PDB file of N, CA and C in Angstrom:
ATOM      1  N   MET A   1     170.580  24.896 317.044  1.00  0.00           N
ATOM      2  CA  MET A   1     169.828  26.034 317.534  1.00  0.00           C
ATOM      3  C   MET A   1     170.706  27.278 317.482  1.00  0.00           C
ATOM      4  N   ALA A   2     170.220  28.347 316.885  1.00  0.00           N
ATOM      5  CA  ALA A   2     170.973  29.588 316.778  1.00  0.00           C
ATOM      6  C   ALA A   2     170.903  30.356 318.096  1.00  0.00           C
ATOM      7  N   HIS A   3     172.013  30.883 318.483  1.00  0.00           N
ATOM      8  CA  HIS A   3     172.111  31.680 319.692  1.00  0.00           C
ATOM      9  C   HIS A   3     172.404  33.116 319.308  1.00  0.00           C
ATOM     10  N   SER A   4     172.048  34.029 320.186  1.00  0.00           N
ATOM     11  CA  SER A   4     172.463  35.422 320.034  1.00  0.00           C
ATOM     12  C   SER A   4     173.567  35.665 321.037  1.00  0.00           C
ATOM     13  N   ILE A   5     174.669  36.181 320.540  1.00  0.00           N
ATOM     14  CA  ILE A   5     175.813  36.501 321.381  1.00  0.00           C
ATOM     15  C   ILE A   5     176.009  38.012 321.315  1.00  0.00           C
ATOM     16  N   TYR A   6     175.947  38.652 322.459  1.00  0.00           N
ATOM     17  CA  TYR A   6     176.081  40.099 322.555  1.00  0.00           C
ATOM     18  C   TYR A   6     177.508  40.413 322.971  1.00  0.00           C
ATOM     19  N   TYR A   7     178.138  41.351 322.268  1.00  0.00           N
ATOM     20  CA  TYR A   7     179.527  41.647 322.568  1.00  0.00           C
ATOM     21  C   TYR A   7     179.793  43.139 322.611  1.00  0.00           C
ATOM     22  N   ASP A   8     180.767  43.484 323.420  1.00  0.00           N
ATOM     23  CA  ASP A   8     181.231  44.861 323.563  1.00  0.00           C
ATOM     24  C   ASP A   8     182.722  44.831 323.291  1.00  0.00           C
ATOM     25  N   HIS A   9     183.131  45.448 322.189  1.00  0.00           N
ATOM     26  CA  HIS A   9     184.540  45.419 321.795  1.00  0.00           C
ATOM     27  C   HIS A   9     185.184  46.756 322.118  1.00  0.00           C
ATOM     28  N   ILE A  10     186.139  46.714 323.010  1.00  0.00           N
ATOM     29  CA  ILE A  10     186.948  47.891 323.329  1.00  0.00           C
ATOM     30  C   ILE A  10     188.355  47.548 322.874  1.00  0.00           C
ATOM     31  N   GLN A  11     188.796  48.194 321.814  1.00  0.00           N
ATOM     32  CA  GLN A  11     190.019  47.797 321.142  1.00  0.00           C
ATOM     33  C   GLN A  11     191.220  47.676 322.085  1.00  0.00           C
ATOM     34  N   ALA A  12     191.367  48.569 323.029  1.00  0.00           N
ATOM     35  CA  ALA A  12     192.522  48.537 323.930  1.00  0.00           C
ATOM     36  C   ALA A  12     192.425  47.436 324.990  1.00  0.00           C
ATOM     37  N   TYR A  13     191.204  46.908 325.226  1.00  0.00           N
ATOM     38  CA  TYR A  13     191.007  45.938 326.300  1.00  0.00           C
ATOM     39  C   TYR A  13     190.581  44.553 325.843  1.00  0.00           C
ATOM     40  N   GLY A  14     189.789  44.468 324.804  1.00  0.00           N
ATOM     41  CA  GLY A  14     189.326  43.171 324.333  1.00  0.00           C
ATOM     42  C   GLY A  14     187.835  43.140 324.115  1.00  0.00           C
ATOM     43  N   VAL A  15     187.271  41.933 324.153  1.00  0.00           N
ATOM     44  CA  VAL A  15     185.866  41.726 323.826  1.00  0.00           C
ATOM     45  C   VAL A  15     185.167  41.049 325.006  1.00  0.00           C
ATOM     46  N   ASN A  16     184.181  41.728 325.569  1.00  0.00           N
ATOM     47  CA  ASN A  16     183.339  41.149 326.615  1.00  0.00           C
ATOM     48  C   ASN A  16     182.088  40.611 325.940  1.00  0.00           C
ATOM     49  N   ILE A  17     181.678  39.407 326.316  1.00  0.00           N
ATOM     50  CA  ILE A  17     180.496  38.822 325.689  1.00  0.00           C
ATOM     51  C   ILE A  17     179.491  38.360 326.733  1.00  0.00           C
ATOM     52  N   THR A  18     178.230  38.327 326.304  1.00  0.00           N
ATOM     53  CA  THR A  18     177.119  37.834 327.109  1.00  0.00           C
ATOM     54  C   THR A  18     176.265  36.969 326.204  1.00  0.00           C
ATOM     55  N   TYR A  19     175.896  35.786 326.695  1.00  0.00           N
ATOM     56  CA  TYR A  19     175.008  34.917 325.921  1.00  0.00           C
ATOM     57  C   TYR A  19     174.323  33.939 326.858  1.00  0.00           C
ATOM     58  N   ASP A  20     173.175  33.453 326.430  1.00  0.00           N
ATOM     59  CA  ASP A  20     172.437  32.443 327.198  1.00  0.00           C
ATOM     60  C   ASP A  20     172.672  31.084 326.562  1.00  0.00           C
ATOM     61  N   PHE A  21     172.933  30.085 327.415  1.00  0.00           N
ATOM     62  CA  PHE A  21     173.155  28.726 326.929  1.00  0.00           C
ATOM     63  C   PHE A  21     172.594  27.752 327.946  1.00  0.00           C
ATOM     64  N   LYS A  22     171.715  26.879 327.480  1.00  0.00           N
ATOM     65  CA  LYS A  22     171.062  25.888 328.341  1.00  0.00           C
ATOM     66  C   LYS A  22     170.402  26.537 329.550  1.00  0.00           C
ATOM     67  N   GLY A  23     169.748  27.675 329.306  1.00  0.00           N
ATOM     68  CA  GLY A  23     168.996  28.354 330.347  1.00  0.00           C
ATOM     69  C   GLY A  23     169.821  29.155 331.330  1.00  0.00           C
ATOM     70  N   GLU A  24     171.117  29.291 331.090  1.00  0.00           N
ATOM     71  CA  GLU A  24     171.971  30.047 331.994  1.00  0.00           C
ATOM     72  C   GLU A  24     172.627  31.202 331.269  1.00  0.00           C
ATOM     73  N   ARG A  25     172.762  32.330 331.964  1.00  0.00           N
ATOM     74  CA  ARG A  25     173.457  33.489 331.422  1.00  0.00           C
ATOM     75  C   ARG A  25     174.957  33.256 331.586  1.00  0.00           C
ATOM     76  N   ASN A  26     175.696  33.479 330.513  1.00  0.00           N
ATOM     77  CA  ASN A  26     177.138  33.295 330.518  1.00  0.00           C
ATOM     78  C   ASN A  26     177.830  34.588 330.115  1.00  0.00           C
ATOM     79  N   TYR A  27     178.972  34.819 330.731  1.00  0.00           N
ATOM     80  CA  TYR A  27     179.805  35.977 330.425  1.00  0.00           C
ATOM     81  C   TYR A  27     181.199  35.447 330.120  1.00  0.00           C
ATOM     82  N   ASP A  28     181.854  36.067 329.173  1.00  0.00           N
ATOM     83  CA  ASP A  28     183.209  35.648 328.835  1.00  0.00           C
ATOM     84  C   ASP A  28     183.984  36.835 328.302  1.00  0.00           C
ATOM     85  N   PHE A  29     185.272  36.630 328.101  1.00  0.00           N
ATOM     86  CA  PHE A  29     186.167  37.680 327.632  1.00  0.00           C
ATOM     87  C   PHE A  29     187.155  37.089 326.638  1.00  0.00           C
ATOM     88  N   PHE A  30     187.416  37.828 325.592  1.00  0.00           N
ATOM     89  CA  PHE A  30     188.439  37.457 324.617  1.00  0.00           C
ATOM     90  C   PHE A  30     189.364  38.649 324.430  1.00  0.00           C
ATOM     91  N   SER A  31     190.631  38.379 324.244  1.00  0.00           N
ATOM     92  CA  SER A  31     191.599  39.464 324.123  1.00  0.00           C
ATOM     93  C   SER A  31     191.565  40.152 322.768  1.00  0.00           C
ATOM     94  N   SER A  32     190.890  39.545 321.790  1.00  0.00           N
ATOM     95  CA  SER A  32     190.819  40.165 320.464  1.00  0.00           C
ATOM     96  C   SER A  32     189.565  39.697 319.725  1.00  0.00           C
ATOM     97  N   MET A  33     189.183  40.463 318.724  1.00  0.00           N
ATOM     98  CA  MET A  33     188.051  40.075 317.870  1.00  0.00           C
ATOM     99  C   MET A  33     188.380  38.803 317.102  1.00  0.00           C
ATOM    100  N   CYS A  34     189.631  38.613 316.749  1.00  0.00           N
ATOM    101  CA  CYS A  34     190.037  37.403 316.024  1.00  0.00           C
ATOM    102  C   CYS A  34     189.728  36.156 316.852  1.00  0.00           C
ATOM    103  N   LEU A  35     190.099  36.172 318.125  1.00  0.00           N
ATOM    104  CA  LEU A  35     189.824  35.028 319.001  1.00  0.00           C
ATOM    105  C   LEU A  35     188.327  34.853 319.227  1.00  0.00           C
ATOM    106  N   PHE A  36     187.617  35.954 319.395  1.00  0.00           N
ATOM    107  CA  PHE A  36     186.168  35.899 319.567  1.00  0.00           C
ATOM    108  C   PHE A  36     185.502  35.281 318.342  1.00  0.00           C
ATOM    109  N   ASN A  37     185.882  35.743 317.161  1.00  0.00           N
ATOM    110  CA  ASN A  37     185.288  35.209 315.926  1.00  0.00           C
ATOM    111  C   ASN A  37     185.628  33.732 315.729  1.00  0.00           C
ATOM    112  N   ALA A  38     186.845  33.327 316.088  1.00  0.00           N
ATOM    113  CA  ALA A  38     187.222  31.914 315.983  1.00  0.00           C
ATOM    114  C   ALA A  38     186.386  31.071 316.939  1.00  0.00           C
ATOM    115  N   TRP A  39     186.177  31.565 318.156  1.00  0.00           N
ATOM    116  CA  TRP A  39     185.354  30.849 319.134  1.00  0.00           C
ATOM    117  C   TRP A  39     183.918  30.716 318.635  1.00  0.00           C
ATOM    118  N   CYS A  40     183.362  31.815 318.123  1.00  0.00           N
ATOM    119  CA  CYS A  40     181.986  31.784 317.597  1.00  0.00           C
ATOM    120  C   CYS A  40     181.870  30.756 316.477  1.00  0.00           C
ATOM    121  N   SER A  41     182.834  30.751 315.574  1.00  0.00           N
ATOM    122  CA  SER A  41     182.797  29.835 314.430  1.00  0.00           C
ATOM    123  C   SER A  41     182.879  28.378 314.854  1.00  0.00           C
ATOM    124  N   SER A  42     183.653  28.108 315.906  1.00  0.00           N
ATOM    125  CA  SER A  42     183.823  26.710 316.307  1.00  0.00           C
ATOM    126  C   SER A  42     182.770  26.234 317.299  1.00  0.00           C
ATOM    127  N   GLU A  43     182.333  27.096 318.203  1.00  0.00           N
ATOM    128  CA  GLU A  43     181.380  26.689 319.243  1.00  0.00           C
ATOM    129  C   GLU A  43     179.923  26.924 318.864  1.00  0.00           C
ATOM    130  N   PHE A  44     179.644  28.018 318.199  1.00  0.00           N
ATOM    131  CA  PHE A  44     178.280  28.387 317.827  1.00  0.00           C
ATOM    132  C   PHE A  44     178.263  28.892 316.384  1.00  0.00           C
ATOM    133  N   PRO A  45     178.480  28.006 315.422  1.00  0.00           N
ATOM    134  CA  PRO A  45     178.618  28.449 314.027  1.00  0.00           C
ATOM    135  C   PRO A  45     177.382  29.121 313.447  1.00  0.00           C
ATOM    136  N   ASN A  46     176.210  28.866 313.975  1.00  0.00           N
ATOM    137  CA  ASN A  46     174.988  29.487 313.462  1.00  0.00           C
ATOM    138  C   ASN A  46     174.513  30.650 314.325  1.00  0.00           C
ATOM    139  N   SER A  47     175.381  31.126 315.204  1.00  0.00           N
ATOM    140  CA  SER A  47     174.966  32.178 316.124  1.00  0.00           C
ATOM    141  C   SER A  47     174.901  33.534 315.431  1.00  0.00           C
ATOM    142  N   LYS A  48     174.116  34.389 316.030  1.00  0.00           N
ATOM    143  CA  LYS A  48     174.002  35.767 315.575  1.00  0.00           C
ATOM    144  C   LYS A  48     174.778  36.620 316.572  1.00  0.00           C
ATOM    145  N   THR A  49     175.744  37.411 316.095  1.00  0.00           N
ATOM    146  CA  THR A  49     176.503  38.282 316.985  1.00  0.00           C
ATOM    147  C   THR A  49     175.936  39.693 316.886  1.00  0.00           C
ATOM    148  N   ILE A  50     175.738  40.294 318.039  1.00  0.00           N
ATOM    149  CA  ILE A  50     175.146  41.628 318.116  1.00  0.00           C
ATOM    150  C   ILE A  50     176.063  42.502 318.963  1.00  0.00           C
ATOM    151  N   GLU A  51     176.572  43.562 318.352  1.00  0.00           N
ATOM    152  CA  GLU A  51     177.451  44.468 319.079  1.00  0.00           C
ATOM    153  C   GLU A  51     176.626  45.363 320.003  1.00  0.00           C
ATOM    154  N   ILE A  52     177.106  45.524 321.220  1.00  0.00           N
ATOM    155  CA  ILE A  52     176.476  46.420 322.180  1.00  0.00           C
ATOM    156  C   ILE A  52     177.068  47.806 321.935  1.00  0.00           C
ATOM    157  N   THR A  53     176.201  48.747 321.619  1.00  0.00           N
ATOM    158  CA  THR A  53     176.632  50.117 321.336  1.00  0.00           C
ATOM    159  C   THR A  53     175.901  51.085 322.251  1.00  0.00           C
ATOM    160  N   ASN A  54     176.316  52.337 322.205  1.00  0.00           N
ATOM    161  CA  ASN A  54     175.627  53.360 322.994  1.00  0.00           C
ATOM    162  C   ASN A  54     174.169  53.473 322.571  1.00  0.00           C
ATOM    163  N   SER A  55     173.890  53.276 321.298  1.00  0.00           N
ATOM    164  CA  SER A  55     172.529  53.469 320.810  1.00  0.00           C
ATOM    165  C   SER A  55     171.598  52.291 321.114  1.00  0.00           C
ATOM    166  N   ASN A  56     172.125  51.097 321.338  1.00  0.00           N
ATOM    167  CA  ASN A  56     171.231  49.968 321.617  1.00  0.00           C
ATOM    168  C   ASN A  56     171.348  49.429 323.051  1.00  0.00           C
ATOM    169  N   TYR A  57     172.245  49.978 323.846  1.00  0.00           N
ATOM    170  CA  TYR A  57     172.473  49.465 325.195  1.00  0.00           C
ATOM    171  C   TYR A  57     171.204  49.471 326.047  1.00  0.00           C
ATOM    172  N   CYS A  58     170.527  50.600 326.088  1.00  0.00           N
ATOM    173  CA  CYS A  58     169.312  50.701 326.939  1.00  0.00           C
ATOM    174  C   CYS A  58     168.251  49.702 326.501  1.00  0.00           C
ATOM    175  N   ARG A  59     168.033  49.575 325.210  1.00  0.00           N
ATOM    176  CA  ARG A  59     167.024  48.638 324.716  1.00  0.00           C
ATOM    177  C   ARG A  59     167.392  47.207 325.079  1.00  0.00           C
ATOM    178  N   LEU A  60     168.663  46.829 324.891  1.00  0.00           N
ATOM    179  CA  LEU A  60     169.089  45.466 325.215  1.00  0.00           C
ATOM    180  C   LEU A  60     168.974  45.190 326.710  1.00  0.00           C
ATOM    181  N   ALA A  61     169.305  46.192 327.521  1.00  0.00           N
ATOM    182  CA  ALA A  61     169.176  46.039 328.982  1.00  0.00           C
ATOM    183  C   ALA A  61     167.712  45.893 329.381  1.00  0.00           C
ATOM    184  N   GLU A  62     166.839  46.683 328.766  1.00  0.00           N
ATOM    185  CA  GLU A  62     165.404  46.589 329.071  1.00  0.00           C
ATOM    186  C   GLU A  62     164.835  45.228 328.662  1.00  0.00           C
ATOM    187  N   GLU A  63     165.346  44.676 327.568  1.00  0.00           N
ATOM    188  CA  GLU A  63     164.903  43.351 327.108  1.00  0.00           C
ATOM    189  C   GLU A  63     165.479  42.246 327.984  1.00  0.00           C
ATOM    190  N   GLY A  64     166.476  42.572 328.821  1.00  0.00           N
ATOM    191  CA  GLY A  64     167.065  41.595 329.716  1.00  0.00           C
ATOM    192  C   GLY A  64     168.041  40.630 329.053  1.00  0.00           C
ATOM    193  N   VAL A  65     168.583  41.008 327.909  1.00  0.00           N
ATOM    194  CA  VAL A  65     169.506  40.100 327.221  1.00  0.00           C
ATOM    195  C   VAL A  65     170.958  40.366 327.580  1.00  0.00           C
ATOM    196  N   ILE A  66     171.208  41.511 328.235  1.00  0.00           N
ATOM    197  CA  ILE A  66     172.562  41.798 328.707  1.00  0.00           C
ATOM    198  C   ILE A  66     172.516  42.202 330.162  1.00  0.00           C
TER     199      ILE A  66
END
């Protein structure tokens, strides 16, 4: 099953992620995009990653996915 993983990458701080798994909202943090991408590849290889930006933040919040 493909999951959508929403991420906010702040280069100086790392990557904050939000995703739903088994009916629960999960939040996590990675210190780099490299670690985040490795985790996605190993844990959710068919997942869709969606960057949270200023232009899509309100829409994603209204949809309740972040």
